[in-house]
C-alpha cells in the first residue's frame, strides 16, 4: 500500500554496537545508497548491515546538541550520529534524542569524525580531537531542514589577523 515513487530504504540495528544503520545498496550515507523506484518490483531488497571497526575506550567523551532554530524539532529523533576514528573507519553510532542530544562516552584520546545522518539531509563532518588537556568535546549543530551544519568548541588556530596592504583589492 505504498504509493508509487522513489524511496530510500534504511535498516537500523536495535543495538548501537557492532553494526551501523545501513541503506539499501549497503551504504551508511543516503547520498551513496540505491534509490528504490516503486512500480517495478525488484524484491527482495536485501540490506547487509555495515559492521563497525573496534572502538577503543578511554577517558575521553564527545557529546552535543542539534538545535533547530525556527525549524520543527519533530524530526530530531530520526537522526543517527555516526562516529569515525582517525583513519575514517566507522566505529559506532547513536540515535539523537527527541530533544536533540547525543553522547559518545568513554572514548580513547585521539581524533574523531562525527557526521549526522538523515535521509535527504546533507551534513557537515565535524573533526574532534580529544587530548589530555581537553578530554571532552561539546558539539553544537544546527538542523535547518535541508542540512545539518556544525560548529564545535575546539579553539581556533588563528587568534588574530591583519590585512595588508590597506586598502586591499
C-alpha atoms as a PDB file:
ATOM      1  CA  UNK A   1       0.000   0.000   0.000  1.00  0.00           C
ATOM      2  CA  UNK A   2       2.982   2.316  -0.545  1.00  0.00           C
ATOM      3  CA  UNK A   3       2.378   4.949  -3.216  1.00  0.00           C
ATOM      4  CA  UNK A   4       4.497   4.845  -6.370  1.00  0.00           C
ATOM      5  CA  UNK A   5       7.611   6.969  -6.149  1.00  0.00           C
ATOM      6  CA  UNK A   6      11.305   6.945  -5.243  1.00  0.00           C
ATOM      7  CA  UNK A   7      12.400   5.796  -1.786  1.00  0.00           C
ATOM      8  CA  UNK A   8      15.456   5.194   0.386  1.00  0.00           C
ATOM      9  CA  UNK A   9      15.288   2.015   2.469  1.00  0.00           C
ATOM     10  CA  UNK A  10      17.180   2.210   5.765  1.00  0.00           C
ATOM     11  CA  UNK A  11      17.733  -0.685   8.200  1.00  0.00           C
ATOM     12  CA  UNK A  12      18.617   0.423  11.738  1.00  0.00           C
ATOM     13  CA  UNK A  13      20.009  -2.149  14.213  1.00  0.00           C
ATOM     14  CA  UNK A  14      18.265  -2.274  17.589  1.00  0.00           C
ATOM     15  CA  UNK A  15      21.621  -2.191  19.406  1.00  0.00           C
ATOM     16  CA  UNK A  16      24.206   0.563  18.806  1.00  0.00           C
ATOM     17  CA  UNK A  17      27.262  -1.696  18.961  1.00  0.00           C
ATOM     18  CA  UNK A  18      28.676  -3.870  16.205  1.00  0.00           C
ATOM     19  CA  UNK A  19      26.653  -2.620  13.226  1.00  0.00           C
ATOM     20  CA  UNK A  20      25.591   0.699  11.709  1.00  0.00           C
ATOM     21  CA  UNK A  21      22.330   1.879  10.176  1.00  0.00           C
ATOM     22  CA  UNK A  22      22.648   0.819   6.531  1.00  0.00           C
ATOM     23  CA  UNK A  23      20.753   1.850   3.409  1.00  0.00           C
ATOM     24  CA  UNK A  24      19.694  -0.408   0.562  1.00  0.00           C
ATOM     25  CA  UNK A  25      22.787  -0.563  -1.632  1.00  0.00           C
ATOM     26  CA  UNK A  26      24.883  -1.276   1.516  1.00  0.00           C
ATOM     27  CA  UNK A  27      25.908   2.289   2.322  1.00  0.00           C
ATOM     28  CA  UNK A  28      25.869   4.219   5.600  1.00  0.00           C
ATOM     29  CA  UNK A  29      25.155   7.512   3.805  1.00  0.00           C
ATOM     30  CA  UNK A  30      21.964   8.210   1.871  1.00  0.00           C
ATOM     31  CA  UNK A  31      23.847  10.016  -0.934  1.00  0.00           C
ATOM     32  CA  UNK A  32      25.615   6.745  -1.824  1.00  0.00           C
ATOM     33  CA  UNK A  33      22.588   4.458  -1.436  1.00  0.00           C
ATOM     34  CA  UNK A  34      20.498   2.862  -4.159  1.00  0.00           C
ATOM     35  CA  UNK A  35      17.128   4.521  -4.693  1.00  0.00           C
ATOM     36  CA  UNK A  36      14.161   2.160  -4.907  1.00  0.00           C
ATOM     37  CA  UNK A  37      11.586   3.183  -7.505  1.00  0.00           C
ATOM     38  CA  UNK A  38       8.219   1.604  -6.787  1.00  0.00           C
ATOM     39  CA  UNK A  39       6.143   0.378  -9.650  1.00  0.00           C
ATOM     40  CA  UNK A  40       8.635  -2.234 -10.849  1.00  0.00           C
ATOM     41  CA  UNK A  41       9.015  -4.973  -8.261  1.00  0.00           C
ATOM     42  CA  UNK A  42      12.619  -5.991  -7.557  1.00  0.00           C
ATOM     43  CA  UNK A  43      12.095  -7.947  -4.339  1.00  0.00           C
ATOM     44  CA  UNK A  44      13.808  -8.877  -2.192  1.00  0.00           C
ATOM     45  CA  UNK A  45      15.557  -5.651  -1.196  1.00  0.00           C
ATOM     46  CA  UNK A  46      18.392  -7.206   0.804  1.00  0.00           C
ATOM     47  CA  UNK A  47      20.482  -4.999   3.069  1.00  0.00           C
ATOM     48  CA  UNK A  48      23.749  -6.215   4.589  1.00  0.00           C
ATOM     49  CA  UNK A  49      24.331  -4.147   7.737  1.00  0.00           C
ATOM     50  CA  UNK A  50      27.658  -2.305   7.702  1.00  0.00           C
ATOM     51  CA  UNK A  51      29.899  -3.657  10.504  1.00  0.00           C
ATOM     52  CA  UNK A  52      31.807  -1.223  12.704  1.00  0.00           C
ATOM     53  CA  UNK A  53      35.503  -1.295  13.403  1.00  0.00           C
ATOM     54  CA  UNK A  54      36.568  -1.809  17.023  1.00  0.00           C
ATOM     55  CA  UNK A  55      36.141   1.220  19.288  1.00  0.00           C
ATOM     56  CA  UNK A  56      38.938   1.711  21.845  1.00  0.00           C
ATOM     57  CA  UNK A  57      37.642   3.011  25.173  1.00  0.00           C
ATOM     58  CA  UNK A  58      39.245   5.610  27.409  1.00  0.00           C
ATOM     59  CA  UNK A  59      38.672   8.745  29.484  1.00  0.00           C
ATOM     60  CA  UNK A  60      37.508  10.967  26.618  1.00  0.00           C
ATOM     61  CA  UNK A  61      33.980  11.798  25.529  1.00  0.00           C
ATOM     62  CA  UNK A  62      32.029  13.678  22.899  1.00  0.00           C
ATOM     63  CA  UNK A  63      28.538  14.976  23.449  1.00  0.00           C
ATOM     64  CA  UNK A  64      26.399  17.551  21.802  1.00  0.00           C
ATOM     65  CA  UNK A  65      23.149  19.104  20.798  1.00  0.00           C
ATOM     66  CA  UNK A  66      21.384  19.571  17.485  1.00  0.00           C
ATOM     67  CA  UNK A  67      19.285  22.719  17.528  1.00  0.00           C
ATOM     68  CA  UNK A  68      16.540  23.520  15.065  1.00  0.00           C
ATOM     69  CA  UNK A  69      16.369  27.298  15.030  1.00  0.00           C
ATOM     70  CA  UNK A  70      12.958  28.109  13.577  1.00  0.00           C
ATOM     71  CA  UNK A  71      12.512  24.632  12.068  1.00  0.00           C
ATOM     72  CA  UNK A  72      10.298  21.961  13.645  1.00  0.00           C
ATOM     73  CA  UNK A  73      12.102  19.844  16.215  1.00  0.00           C
ATOM     74  CA  UNK A  74       9.862  16.842  15.485  1.00  0.00           C
ATOM     75  CA  UNK A  75      12.453  15.194  13.241  1.00  0.00           C
ATOM     76  CA  UNK A  76      15.484  15.241  15.568  1.00  0.00           C
ATOM     77  CA  UNK A  77      14.957  11.678  16.787  1.00  0.00           C
ATOM     78  CA  UNK A  78      15.190  10.477  13.159  1.00  0.00           C
ATOM     79  CA  UNK A  79      18.882  11.476  13.036  1.00  0.00           C
ATOM     80  CA  UNK A  80      21.710   8.994  13.651  1.00  0.00           C
ATOM     81  CA  UNK A  81      25.120  10.344  14.655  1.00  0.00           C
ATOM     82  CA  UNK A  82      27.938   8.338  13.021  1.00  0.00           C
ATOM     83  CA  UNK A  83      31.374   8.257  14.730  1.00  0.00           C
ATOM     84  CA  UNK A  84      34.559   7.509  12.766  1.00  0.00           C
ATOM     85  CA  UNK A  85      38.108   7.014  14.004  1.00  0.00           C
ATOM     86  CA  UNK A  86      41.203   8.884  12.832  1.00  0.00           C
ATOM     87  CA  UNK A  87      41.526   6.576   9.806  1.00  0.00           C
ATOM     88  CA  UNK A  88      37.952   7.406   8.739  1.00  0.00           C
ATOM     89  CA  UNK A  89      36.572   3.978   9.688  1.00  0.00           C
ATOM     90  CA  UNK A  90      33.090   3.936  11.210  1.00  0.00           C
ATOM     91  CA  UNK A  91      33.310   2.727  14.818  1.00  0.00           C
ATOM     92  CA  UNK A  92      29.831   3.430  16.171  1.00  0.00           C
ATOM     93  CA  UNK A  93      26.627   5.411  16.144  1.00  0.00           C
ATOM     94  CA  UNK A  94      23.986   6.764  18.498  1.00  0.00           C
ATOM     95  CA  UNK A  95      20.397   7.828  17.974  1.00  0.00           C
ATOM     96  CA  UNK A  96      19.833  11.539  18.530  1.00  0.00           C
ATOM     97  CA  UNK A  97      17.120  12.093  21.141  1.00  0.00           C
ATOM     98  CA  UNK A  98      13.889  13.987  20.513  1.00  0.00           C
ATOM     99  CA  UNK A  99      15.498  16.871  22.438  1.00  0.00           C
ATOM    100  CA  UNK A 100      18.461  16.837  20.000  1.00  0.00           C
ATOM    101  CA  UNK A 101      21.049  15.365  22.389  1.00  0.00           C
ATOM    102  CA  UNK A 102      23.748  12.793  21.599  1.00  0.00           C
ATOM    103  CA  UNK A 103      26.655  11.345  23.586  1.00  0.00           C
ATOM    104  CA  UNK A 104      29.714   9.156  22.985  1.00  0.00           C
ATOM    105  CA  UNK A 105      31.167   8.393  26.451  1.00  0.00           C
ATOM    106  CA  UNK A 106      34.368   6.507  27.250  1.00  0.00           C
ATOM    107  CA  UNK A 107      36.431   7.262  24.139  1.00  0.00           C
ATOM    108  CA  UNK A 108      40.191   6.929  23.866  1.00  0.00           C
ATOM    109  CA  UNK A 109      42.061  10.182  23.333  1.00  0.00           C
ATOM    110  CA  UNK A 110      42.663  10.982  19.667  1.00  0.00           C
ATOM    111  CA  UNK A 111      40.994  12.406  16.576  1.00  0.00           C
ATOM    112  CA  UNK A 112      37.420  11.504  15.589  1.00  0.00           C
ATOM    113  CA  UNK A 113      34.972  12.471  12.881  1.00  0.00           C
ATOM    114  CA  UNK A 114      31.255  12.971  13.512  1.00  0.00           C
ATOM    115  CA  UNK A 115      28.530  13.151  10.921  1.00  0.00           C
ATOM    116  CA  UNK A 116      24.787  13.388  11.407  1.00  0.00           C
ATOM    117  CA  UNK A 117      22.896  11.096   9.032  1.00  0.00           C
ATOM    118  CA  UNK A 118      19.307  11.547   7.936  1.00  0.00           C
ATOM    119  CA  UNK A 119      17.838  10.666   4.517  1.00  0.00           C
ATOM    120  CA  UNK A 120      17.618  13.669   2.194  1.00  0.00           C
ATOM    121  CA  UNK A 121      19.565  15.970   4.531  1.00  0.00           C
ATOM    122  CA  UNK A 122      23.199  16.986   3.889  1.00  0.00           C
ATOM    123  CA  UNK A 123      25.518  17.223   6.864  1.00  0.00           C
ATOM    124  CA  UNK A 124      28.885  18.664   7.805  1.00  0.00           C
ATOM    125  CA  UNK A 125      31.567  16.272   9.008  1.00  0.00           C
ATOM    126  CA  UNK A 126      32.972  17.565  12.292  1.00  0.00           C
ATOM    127  CA  UNK A 127      36.577  16.847  13.319  1.00  0.00           C
ATOM    128  CA  UNK A 128      37.084  16.421  17.064  1.00  0.00           C
ATOM    129  CA  UNK A 129      40.435  15.942  18.788  1.00  0.00           C
ATOM    130  CA  UNK A 130      40.449  14.715  22.380  1.00  0.00           C
ATOM    131  CA  UNK A 131      43.656  15.363  24.324  1.00  0.00           C
ATOM    132  CA  UNK A 132      44.855  15.073  27.930  1.00  0.00           C
ATOM    133  CA  UNK A 133      44.191  18.795  28.318  1.00  0.00           C
ATOM    134  CA  UNK A 134      40.788  18.598  26.643  1.00  0.00           C
ATOM    135  CA  UNK A 135      39.347  15.075  27.057  1.00  0.00           C
ATOM    136  CA  UNK A 136      35.740  16.186  26.430  1.00  0.00           C
ATOM    137  CA  UNK A 137      34.288  17.969  23.402  1.00  0.00           C
ATOM    138  CA  UNK A 138      30.866  19.591  23.272  1.00  0.00           C
ATOM    139  CA  UNK A 139      29.486  19.825  19.721  1.00  0.00           C
ATOM    140  CA  UNK A 140      26.732  22.194  18.584  1.00  0.00           C
ATOM    141  CA  UNK A 141      24.909  21.501  15.330  1.00  0.00           C
ATOM    142  CA  UNK A 142      22.017  23.278  13.641  1.00  0.00           C
ATOM    143  CA  UNK A 143      19.346  21.441  11.652  1.00  0.00           C
ATOM    144  CA  UNK A 144      17.875  23.785   9.039  1.00  0.00           C
ATOM    145  CA  UNK A 145      15.595  21.351   7.176  1.00  0.00           C
ATOM    146  CA  UNK A 146      17.844  20.526   4.233  1.00  0.00           C
ATOM    147  CA  UNK A 147      21.196  20.497   6.021  1.00  0.00           C
ATOM    148  CA  UNK A 148      22.843  19.940   9.395  1.00  0.00           C
ATOM    149  CA  UNK A 149      25.637  22.426   9.992  1.00  0.00           C
ATOM    150  CA  UNK A 150      28.160  22.238  12.789  1.00  0.00           C
ATOM    151  CA  UNK A 151      30.472  24.202  14.986  1.00  0.00           C
ATOM    152  CA  UNK A 152      32.453  22.615  17.784  1.00  0.00           C
ATOM    153  CA  UNK A 153      34.189  24.124  20.788  1.00  0.00           C
ATOM    154  CA  UNK A 154      37.732  23.414  19.578  1.00  0.00           C
ATOM    155  CA  UNK A 155      39.938  26.504  19.944  1.00  0.00           C
ATOM    156  CA  UNK A 156      40.694  28.455  16.801  1.00  0.00           C
ATOM    157  CA  UNK A 157      44.173  28.109  15.319  1.00  0.00           C
ATOM    158  CA  UNK A 158      44.162  31.821  14.420  1.00  0.00           C
ATOM    159  CA  UNK A 159      43.908  34.245  17.353  1.00  0.00           C
ATOM    160  CA  UNK A 160      44.028  37.390  15.252  1.00  0.00           C
ATOM    161  CA  UNK A 161      44.783  38.543  11.742  1.00  0.00           C
ATOM    162  CA  UNK A 162      45.709  41.712   9.873  1.00  0.00           C
ATOM    163  CA  UNK A 163      45.035  42.624   6.260  1.00  0.00           C
ATOM    164  CA  UNK A 164      47.964  44.176   4.443  1.00  0.00           C
ATOM    165  CA  UNK A 165      48.313  46.413   2.494  1.00  0.00           C
ATOM    166  CA  UNK A 166      45.434  48.612   3.485  1.00  0.00           C
ATOM    167  CA  UNK A 167      43.341  49.308   1.406  1.00  0.00           C
ATOM    168  CA  UNK A 168      43.062  45.879  -0.219  1.00  0.00           C
ATOM    169  CA  UNK A 169      41.569  44.982  -3.587  1.00  0.00           C
END
